[in-house]
Amino acid sequence: MSVLVKRRIKDKDLVDKLNRYTHDFNWIQDNRLALQSKYNRKYIAVKNENVIFFADNIEEMLGKILESGGDIAEYIIDYLTDEKISLLF
């Protein structure tokens, strides 16, 4: 599923969005163990320190957000697993 978001954002709005994103990212990191116990091997969409959606795959997750009328850019999406993952570049 391809999603194209195209619109102009004012500098202040961009800074506000980045601050909210950073805050939610840090919240996920601080609560990772509790979130993994509840949503292991799931994608979660977080907004304002709340898990709003969860799904088995990214396509399902994006579909849930779009079906709700939400803006994908308003959520931080993360995949939770207790497995060690290595990325090779």
PDB file of N, CA and C in Angstrom:
ATOM      1  N   MET A   1       0.848  -1.160   0.000  1.00  0.00           N
ATOM      2  CA  MET A   1       0.000   0.000   0.000  1.00  0.00           C
ATOM      3  C   MET A   1       0.899   1.230   0.000  1.00  0.00           C
ATOM      4  N   SER A   2       0.728   2.101  -0.949  1.00  0.00           N
ATOM      5  CA  SER A   2       1.495   3.339  -1.011  1.00  0.00           C
ATOM      6  C   SER A   2       0.631   4.483  -0.529  1.00  0.00           C
ATOM      7  N   VAL A   3       1.232   5.352   0.259  1.00  0.00           N
ATOM      8  CA  VAL A   3       0.520   6.509   0.776  1.00  0.00           C
ATOM      9  C   VAL A   3       1.362   7.731   0.498  1.00  0.00           C
ATOM     10  N   LEU A   4       0.773   8.724  -0.110  1.00  0.00           N
ATOM     11  CA  LEU A   4       1.471   9.967  -0.415  1.00  0.00           C
ATOM     12  C   LEU A   4       0.809  11.088   0.365  1.00  0.00           C
ATOM     13  N   VAL A   5       1.580  11.743   1.193  1.00  0.00           N
ATOM     14  CA  VAL A   5       1.081  12.877   1.960  1.00  0.00           C
ATOM     15  C   VAL A   5       1.762  14.110   1.397  1.00  0.00           C
ATOM     16  N   LYS A   6       0.960  15.011   0.851  1.00  0.00           N
ATOM     17  CA  LYS A   6       1.536  16.175   0.185  1.00  0.00           C
ATOM     18  C   LYS A   6       0.789  17.424   0.629  1.00  0.00           C
ATOM     19  N   ARG A   7       1.459  18.216   1.462  1.00  0.00           N
ATOM     20  CA  ARG A   7       0.893  19.487   1.889  1.00  0.00           C
ATOM     21  C   ARG A   7       1.992  20.306   2.530  1.00  0.00           C
ATOM     22  N   ARG A   8       1.783  21.591   2.579  1.00  0.00           N
ATOM     23  CA  ARG A   8       2.767  22.485   3.185  1.00  0.00           C
ATOM     24  C   ARG A   8       2.512  22.555   4.682  1.00  0.00           C
ATOM     25  N   ILE A   9       3.592  22.581   5.446  1.00  0.00           N
ATOM     26  CA  ILE A   9       3.502  22.666   6.896  1.00  0.00           C
ATOM     27  C   ILE A   9       4.278  23.904   7.346  1.00  0.00           C
ATOM     28  N   LYS A  10       3.663  24.706   8.197  1.00  0.00           N
ATOM     29  CA  LYS A  10       4.339  25.876   8.746  1.00  0.00           C
ATOM     30  C   LYS A  10       5.440  25.401   9.691  1.00  0.00           C
ATOM     31  N   ASP A  11       6.478  26.218   9.836  1.00  0.00           N
ATOM     32  CA  ASP A  11       7.615  25.853  10.693  1.00  0.00           C
ATOM     33  C   ASP A  11       7.181  25.527  12.113  1.00  0.00           C
ATOM     34  N   LYS A  12       6.311  26.340  12.706  1.00  0.00           N
ATOM     35  CA  LYS A  12       5.865  26.099  14.073  1.00  0.00           C
ATOM     36  C   LYS A  12       5.107  24.781  14.151  1.00  0.00           C
ATOM     37  N   ASP A  13       4.257  24.502  13.172  1.00  0.00           N
ATOM     38  CA  ASP A  13       3.512  23.247  13.158  1.00  0.00           C
ATOM     39  C   ASP A  13       4.464  22.058  13.043  1.00  0.00           C
ATOM     40  N   LEU A  14       5.490  22.212  12.235  1.00  0.00           N
ATOM     41  CA  LEU A  14       6.469  21.143  12.064  1.00  0.00           C
ATOM     42  C   LEU A  14       7.214  20.881  13.377  1.00  0.00           C
ATOM     43  N   VAL A  15       7.621  21.936  14.048  1.00  0.00           N
ATOM     44  CA  VAL A  15       8.306  21.784  15.328  1.00  0.00           C
ATOM     45  C   VAL A  15       7.382  21.120  16.345  1.00  0.00           C
ATOM     46  N   ASP A  16       6.111  21.529  16.390  1.00  0.00           N
ATOM     47  CA  ASP A  16       5.146  20.915  17.309  1.00  0.00           C
ATOM     48  C   ASP A  16       4.979  19.426  17.014  1.00  0.00           C
ATOM     49  N   LYS A  17       4.878  19.067  15.742  1.00  0.00           N
ATOM     50  CA  LYS A  17       4.734  17.654  15.370  1.00  0.00           C
ATOM     51  C   LYS A  17       5.976  16.851  15.747  1.00  0.00           C
ATOM     52  N   LEU A  18       7.144  17.420  15.508  1.00  0.00           N
ATOM     53  CA  LEU A  18       8.381  16.729  15.869  1.00  0.00           C
ATOM     54  C   LEU A  18       8.496  16.541  17.383  1.00  0.00           C
ATOM     55  N   ASN A  19       8.067  17.531  18.146  1.00  0.00           N
ATOM     56  CA  ASN A  19       8.081  17.405  19.603  1.00  0.00           C
ATOM     57  C   ASN A  19       7.122  16.314  20.081  1.00  0.00           C
ATOM     58  N   ARG A  20       5.908  16.268  19.501  1.00  0.00           N
ATOM     59  CA  ARG A  20       4.951  15.212  19.871  1.00  0.00           C
ATOM     60  C   ARG A  20       5.471  13.840  19.481  1.00  0.00           C
ATOM     61  N   TYR A  21       6.070  13.743  18.289  1.00  0.00           N
ATOM     62  CA  TYR A  21       6.634  12.494  17.816  1.00  0.00           C
ATOM     63  C   TYR A  21       7.743  12.023  18.756  1.00  0.00           C
ATOM     64  N   THR A  22       8.641  12.931  19.110  1.00  0.00           N
ATOM     65  CA  THR A  22       9.743  12.584  20.018  1.00  0.00           C
ATOM     66  C   THR A  22       9.214  12.152  21.375  1.00  0.00           C
ATOM     67  N   HIS A  23       8.213  12.863  21.873  1.00  0.00           N
ATOM     68  CA  HIS A  23       7.624  12.518  23.167  1.00  0.00           C
ATOM     69  C   HIS A  23       7.030  11.112  23.129  1.00  0.00           C
ATOM     70  N   ASP A  24       6.270  10.791  22.091  1.00  0.00           N
ATOM     71  CA  ASP A  24       5.663   9.458  21.981  1.00  0.00           C
ATOM     72  C   ASP A  24       6.718   8.378  21.743  1.00  0.00           C
ATOM     73  N   PHE A  25       7.755   8.693  20.963  1.00  0.00           N
ATOM     74  CA  PHE A  25       8.843   7.745  20.764  1.00  0.00           C
ATOM     75  C   PHE A  25       9.495   7.402  22.101  1.00  0.00           C
ATOM     76  N   ASN A  26       9.784   8.415  22.903  1.00  0.00           N
ATOM     77  CA  ASN A  26      10.388   8.190  24.211  1.00  0.00           C
ATOM     78  C   ASN A  26       9.448   7.411  25.135  1.00  0.00           C
ATOM     79  N   TRP A  27       8.161   7.684  25.051  1.00  0.00           N
ATOM     80  CA  TRP A  27       7.182   6.953  25.863  1.00  0.00           C
ATOM     81  C   TRP A  27       7.199   5.467  25.510  1.00  0.00           C
ATOM     82  N   ILE A  28       7.266   5.152  24.218  1.00  0.00           N
ATOM     83  CA  ILE A  28       7.348   3.748  23.799  1.00  0.00           C
ATOM     84  C   ILE A  28       8.607   3.104  24.366  1.00  0.00           C
ATOM     85  N   GLN A  29       9.736   3.794  24.258  1.00  0.00           N
ATOM     86  CA  GLN A  29      10.991   3.243  24.776  1.00  0.00           C
ATOM     87  C   GLN A  29      10.912   3.020  26.282  1.00  0.00           C
ATOM     88  N   ASP A  30      10.347   3.964  27.011  1.00  0.00           N
ATOM     89  CA  ASP A  30      10.242   3.853  28.466  1.00  0.00           C
ATOM     90  C   ASP A  30       9.285   2.746  28.898  1.00  0.00           C
ATOM     91  N   ASN A  31       8.322   2.403  28.056  1.00  0.00           N
ATOM     92  CA  ASN A  31       7.298   1.413  28.399  1.00  0.00           C
ATOM     93  C   ASN A  31       7.373   0.156  27.541  1.00  0.00           C
ATOM     94  N   ARG A  32       8.505  -0.044  26.874  1.00  0.00           N
ATOM     95  CA  ARG A  32       8.640  -1.138  25.907  1.00  0.00           C
ATOM     96  C   ARG A  32       8.301  -2.503  26.500  1.00  0.00           C
ATOM     97  N   LEU A  33       8.791  -2.832  27.686  1.00  0.00           N
ATOM     98  CA  LEU A  33       8.543  -4.157  28.258  1.00  0.00           C
ATOM     99  C   LEU A  33       7.053  -4.394  28.500  1.00  0.00           C
ATOM    100  N   ALA A  34       6.376  -3.426  29.058  1.00  0.00           N
ATOM    101  CA  ALA A  34       4.930  -3.566  29.297  1.00  0.00           C
ATOM    102  C   ALA A  34       4.174  -3.660  27.976  1.00  0.00           C
ATOM    103  N   LEU A  35       4.569  -2.844  27.002  1.00  0.00           N
ATOM    104  CA  LEU A  35       3.913  -2.882  25.691  1.00  0.00           C
ATOM    105  C   LEU A  35       4.166  -4.218  24.995  1.00  0.00           C
ATOM    106  N   GLN A  36       5.403  -4.743  25.103  1.00  0.00           N
ATOM    107  CA  GLN A  36       5.710  -6.030  24.473  1.00  0.00           C
ATOM    108  C   GLN A  36       4.891  -7.156  25.090  1.00  0.00           C
ATOM    109  N   SER A  37       4.675  -7.109  26.380  1.00  0.00           N
ATOM    110  CA  SER A  37       3.904  -8.183  27.010  1.00  0.00           C
ATOM    111  C   SER A  37       2.455  -8.184  26.523  1.00  0.00           C
ATOM    112  N   LYS A  38       1.953  -7.023  26.156  1.00  0.00           N
ATOM    113  CA  LYS A  38       0.567  -6.933  25.676  1.00  0.00           C
ATOM    114  C   LYS A  38       0.446  -7.033  24.153  1.00  0.00           C
ATOM    115  N   TYR A  39       1.429  -6.506  23.426  1.00  0.00           N
ATOM    116  CA  TYR A  39       1.347  -6.417  21.962  1.00  0.00           C
ATOM    117  C   TYR A  39       2.531  -7.096  21.271  1.00  0.00           C
ATOM    118  N   ASN A  40       3.030  -8.202  21.821  1.00  0.00           N
ATOM    119  CA  ASN A  40       4.195  -8.857  21.239  1.00  0.00           C
ATOM    120  C   ASN A  40       3.908  -9.298  19.801  1.00  0.00           C
ATOM    121  N   ARG A  41       4.868  -9.018  18.937  1.00  0.00           N
ATOM    122  CA  ARG A  41       4.780  -9.318  17.501  1.00  0.00           C
ATOM    123  C   ARG A  41       3.625  -8.605  16.811  1.00  0.00           C
ATOM    124  N   LYS A  42       3.353  -7.404  17.268  1.00  0.00           N
ATOM    125  CA  LYS A  42       2.311  -6.559  16.676  1.00  0.00           C
ATOM    126  C   LYS A  42       2.896  -5.195  16.350  1.00  0.00           C
ATOM    127  N   TYR A  43       2.285  -4.539  15.386  1.00  0.00           N
ATOM    128  CA  TYR A  43       2.551  -3.134  15.115  1.00  0.00           C
ATOM    129  C   TYR A  43       1.610  -2.325  16.000  1.00  0.00           C
ATOM    130  N   ILE A  44       2.110  -1.244  16.563  1.00  0.00           N
ATOM    131  CA  ILE A  44       1.265  -0.351  17.346  1.00  0.00           C
ATOM    132  C   ILE A  44       1.354   1.053  16.763  1.00  0.00           C
ATOM    133  N   ALA A  45       0.249   1.780  16.850  1.00  0.00           N
ATOM    134  CA  ALA A  45       0.213   3.192  16.468  1.00  0.00           C
ATOM    135  C   ALA A  45      -0.080   3.976  17.734  1.00  0.00           C
ATOM    136  N   VAL A  46       0.850   4.850  18.106  1.00  0.00           N
ATOM    137  CA  VAL A  46       0.757   5.595  19.358  1.00  0.00           C
ATOM    138  C   VAL A  46       0.551   7.073  19.066  1.00  0.00           C
ATOM    139  N   LYS A  47      -0.319   7.670  19.853  1.00  0.00           N
ATOM    140  CA  LYS A  47      -0.550   9.116  19.782  1.00  0.00           C
ATOM    141  C   LYS A  47      -0.855   9.598  21.194  1.00  0.00           C
ATOM    142  N   ASN A  48      -0.119  10.595  21.646  1.00  0.00           N
ATOM    143  CA  ASN A  48      -0.316  11.167  22.978  1.00  0.00           C
ATOM    144  C   ASN A  48      -0.241  10.115  24.086  1.00  0.00           C
ATOM    145  N   GLU A  49       0.784   9.279  24.009  1.00  0.00           N
ATOM    146  CA  GLU A  49       1.049   8.238  25.007  1.00  0.00           C
ATOM    147  C   GLU A  49      -0.065   7.197  25.113  1.00  0.00           C
ATOM    148  N   ASN A  50      -0.790   6.976  24.039  1.00  0.00           N
ATOM    149  CA  ASN A  50      -1.844   5.958  24.010  1.00  0.00           C
ATOM    150  C   ASN A  50      -1.682   5.089  22.778  1.00  0.00           C
ATOM    151  N   VAL A  51      -1.825   3.781  22.966  1.00  0.00           N
ATOM    152  CA  VAL A  51      -1.872   2.881  21.818  1.00  0.00           C
ATOM    153  C   VAL A  51      -3.279   2.988  21.254  1.00  0.00           C
ATOM    154  N   ILE A  52      -3.379   3.555  20.073  1.00  0.00           N
ATOM    155  CA  ILE A  52      -4.678   3.784  19.446  1.00  0.00           C
ATOM    156  C   ILE A  52      -5.075   2.589  18.584  1.00  0.00           C
ATOM    157  N   PHE A  53      -4.113   2.045  17.848  1.00  0.00           N
ATOM    158  CA  PHE A  53      -4.359   0.892  16.975  1.00  0.00           C
ATOM    159  C   PHE A  53      -3.243  -0.119  17.159  1.00  0.00           C
ATOM    160  N   PHE A  54      -3.568  -1.389  16.908  1.00  0.00           N
ATOM    161  CA  PHE A  54      -2.536  -2.427  16.813  1.00  0.00           C
ATOM    162  C   PHE A  54      -2.954  -3.382  15.713  1.00  0.00           C
ATOM    163  N   ALA A  55      -1.952  -4.015  15.091  1.00  0.00           N
ATOM    164  CA  ALA A  55      -2.231  -4.874  13.940  1.00  0.00           C
ATOM    165  C   ALA A  55      -1.092  -5.872  13.758  1.00  0.00           C
ATOM    166  N   ASP A  56      -1.384  -6.926  12.997  1.00  0.00           N
ATOM    167  CA  ASP A  56      -0.395  -7.965  12.728  1.00  0.00           C
ATOM    168  C   ASP A  56       0.612  -7.568  11.659  1.00  0.00           C
ATOM    169  N   ASN A  57       0.230  -6.658  10.755  1.00  0.00           N
ATOM    170  CA  ASN A  57       1.145  -6.253   9.688  1.00  0.00           C
ATOM    171  C   ASN A  57       0.943  -4.774   9.384  1.00  0.00           C
ATOM    172  N   ILE A  58       1.904  -4.211   8.680  1.00  0.00           N
ATOM    173  CA  ILE A  58       1.891  -2.766   8.431  1.00  0.00           C
ATOM    174  C   ILE A  58       0.733  -2.348   7.523  1.00  0.00           C
ATOM    175  N   GLU A  59       0.363  -3.197   6.571  1.00  0.00           N
ATOM    176  CA  GLU A  59      -0.749  -2.858   5.683  1.00  0.00           C
ATOM    177  C   GLU A  59      -2.050  -2.737   6.468  1.00  0.00           C
ATOM    178  N   GLU A  60      -2.266  -3.681   7.391  1.00  0.00           N
ATOM    179  CA  GLU A  60      -3.464  -3.640   8.234  1.00  0.00           C
ATOM    180  C   GLU A  60      -3.453  -2.384   9.105  1.00  0.00           C
ATOM    181  N   MET A  61      -2.275  -2.063   9.645  1.00  0.00           N
ATOM    182  CA  MET A  61      -2.156  -0.876  10.497  1.00  0.00           C
ATOM    183  C   MET A  61      -2.513   0.388   9.739  1.00  0.00           C
ATOM    184  N   LEU A  62      -1.913   0.569   8.562  1.00  0.00           N
ATOM    185  CA  LEU A  62      -2.195   1.763   7.767  1.00  0.00           C
ATOM    186  C   LEU A  62      -3.661   1.826   7.371  1.00  0.00           C
ATOM    187  N   GLY A  63      -4.238   0.667   7.049  1.00  0.00           N
ATOM    188  CA  GLY A  63      -5.654   0.615   6.705  1.00  0.00           C
ATOM    189  C   GLY A  63      -6.537   1.073   7.860  1.00  0.00           C
ATOM    190  N   LYS A  64      -6.218   0.639   9.078  1.00  0.00           N
ATOM    191  CA  LYS A  64      -7.003   1.046  10.247  1.00  0.00           C
ATOM    192  C   LYS A  64      -6.950   2.559  10.453  1.00  0.00           C
ATOM    193  N   ILE A  65      -5.771   3.117  10.314  1.00  0.00           N
ATOM    194  CA  ILE A  65      -5.628   4.567  10.507  1.00  0.00           C
ATOM    195  C   ILE A  65      -6.410   5.317   9.440  1.00  0.00           C
ATOM    196  N   LEU A  66      -6.254   4.915   8.186  1.00  0.00           N
ATOM    197  CA  LEU A  66      -6.956   5.600   7.097  1.00  0.00           C
ATOM    198  C   LEU A  66      -8.466   5.427   7.195  1.00  0.00           C
ATOM    199  N   GLU A  67      -8.930   4.229   7.552  1.00  0.00           N
ATOM    200  CA  GLU A  67     -10.371   3.991   7.697  1.00  0.00           C
ATOM    201  C   GLU A  67     -10.984   4.837   8.808  1.00  0.00           C
ATOM    202  N   SER A  68     -10.190   5.148   9.826  1.00  0.00           N
ATOM    203  CA  SER A  68     -10.692   5.969  10.936  1.00  0.00           C
ATOM    204  C   SER A  68     -10.760   7.448  10.556  1.00  0.00           C
ATOM    205  N   GLY A  69     -10.202   7.783   9.395  1.00  0.00           N
ATOM    206  CA  GLY A  69     -10.148   9.178   8.979  1.00  0.00           C
ATOM    207  C   GLY A  69      -8.944   9.906   9.545  1.00  0.00           C
ATOM    208  N   GLY A  70      -8.053   9.148  10.187  1.00  0.00           N
ATOM    209  CA  GLY A  70      -6.861   9.741  10.791  1.00  0.00           C
ATOM    210  C   GLY A  70      -5.786  10.032   9.769  1.00  0.00           C
ATOM    211  N   ASP A  71      -4.824  10.803  10.202  1.00  0.00           N
ATOM    212  CA  ASP A  71      -3.665  11.166   9.394  1.00  0.00           C
ATOM    213  C   ASP A  71      -2.491  10.324   9.878  1.00  0.00           C
ATOM    214  N   ILE A  72      -1.918   9.538   9.007  1.00  0.00           N
ATOM    215  CA  ILE A  72      -0.816   8.643   9.371  1.00  0.00           C
ATOM    216  C   ILE A  72       0.323   9.425  10.030  1.00  0.00           C
ATOM    217  N   ALA A  73       0.532  10.648   9.600  1.00  0.00           N
ATOM    218  CA  ALA A  73       1.628  11.464  10.134  1.00  0.00           C
ATOM    219  C   ALA A  73       1.410  11.856  11.597  1.00  0.00           C
ATOM    220  N   GLU A  74       0.228  11.641  12.134  1.00  0.00           N
ATOM    221  CA  GLU A  74      -0.062  11.990  13.521  1.00  0.00           C
ATOM    222  C   GLU A  74       0.329  10.886  14.501  1.00  0.00           C
ATOM    223  N   TYR A  75       0.756   9.742  14.003  1.00  0.00           N
ATOM    224  CA  TYR A  75       1.050   8.583  14.848  1.00  0.00           C
ATOM    225  C   TYR A  75       2.514   8.184  14.722  1.00  0.00           C
ATOM    226  N   ILE A  76       3.038   7.620  15.787  1.00  0.00           N
ATOM    227  CA  ILE A  76       4.311   6.925  15.692  1.00  0.00           C
ATOM    228  C   ILE A  76       3.964   5.445  15.644  1.00  0.00           C
ATOM    229  N   ILE A  77       4.506   4.758  14.661  1.00  0.00           N
ATOM    230  CA  ILE A  77       4.218   3.345  14.464  1.00  0.00           C
ATOM    231  C   ILE A  77       5.478   2.555  14.764  1.00  0.00           C
ATOM    232  N   ASP A  78       5.318   1.505  15.573  1.00  0.00           N
ATOM    233  CA  ASP A  78       6.462   0.687  15.958  1.00  0.00           C
ATOM    234  C   ASP A  78       6.048  -0.778  15.932  1.00  0.00           C
ATOM    235  N   TYR A  79       7.027  -1.637  15.690  1.00  0.00           N
ATOM    236  CA  TYR A  79       6.806  -3.081  15.737  1.00  0.00           C
ATOM    237  C   TYR A  79       7.431  -3.589  17.028  1.00  0.00           C
ATOM    238  N   LEU A  80       6.651  -4.305  17.822  1.00  0.00           N
ATOM    239  CA  LEU A  80       7.126  -4.793  19.110  1.00  0.00           C
ATOM    240  C   LEU A  80       7.418  -6.281  19.043  1.00  0.00           C
ATOM    241  N   THR A  81       8.611  -6.653  19.472  1.00  0.00           N
ATOM    242  CA  THR A  81       8.976  -8.057  19.559  1.00  0.00           C
ATOM    243  C   THR A  81      10.019  -8.220  20.645  1.00  0.00           C
ATOM    244  N   ASP A  82      10.022  -9.382  21.254  1.00  0.00           N
ATOM    245  CA  ASP A  82      11.041  -9.658  22.251  1.00  0.00           C
ATOM    246  C   ASP A  82      12.236 -10.389  21.646  1.00  0.00           C
ATOM    247  N   GLU A  83      12.197 -10.604  20.339  1.00  0.00           N
ATOM    248  CA  GLU A  83      13.307 -11.246  19.648  1.00  0.00           C
ATOM    249  C   GLU A  83      14.397 -10.230  19.340  1.00  0.00           C
ATOM    250  N   LYS A  84      15.628 -10.692  19.338  1.00  0.00           N
ATOM    251  CA  LYS A  84      16.747  -9.845  18.943  1.00  0.00           C
ATOM    252  C   LYS A  84      16.729  -9.725  17.419  1.00  0.00           C
ATOM    253  N   ILE A  85      16.881  -8.518  16.936  1.00  0.00           N
ATOM    254  CA  ILE A  85      16.877  -8.272  15.497  1.00  0.00           C
ATOM    255  C   ILE A  85      18.197  -7.617  15.118  1.00  0.00           C
ATOM    256  N   SER A  86      18.838  -8.139  14.095  1.00  0.00           N
ATOM    257  CA  SER A  86      20.076  -7.554  13.586  1.00  0.00           C
ATOM    258  C   SER A  86      19.840  -7.038  12.177  1.00  0.00           C
ATOM    259  N   LEU A  87      20.317  -5.852  11.930  1.00  0.00           N
ATOM    260  CA  LEU A  87      20.212  -5.264  10.598  1.00  0.00           C
ATOM    261  C   LEU A  87      21.611  -5.175  10.017  1.00  0.00           C
ATOM    262  N   LEU A  88      21.759  -5.669   8.799  1.00  0.00           N
ATOM    263  CA  LEU A  88      23.037  -5.615   8.112  1.00  0.00           C
ATOM    264  C   LEU A  88      22.954  -4.607   6.978  1.00  0.00           C
ATOM    265  N   PHE A  89      23.922  -3.700   6.906  1.00  0.00           N
ATOM    266  CA  PHE A  89      23.930  -2.690   5.851  1.00  0.00           C
ATOM    267  C   PHE A  89      25.150  -2.880   4.986  1.00  0.00           C
TER     268      PHE A  89
END
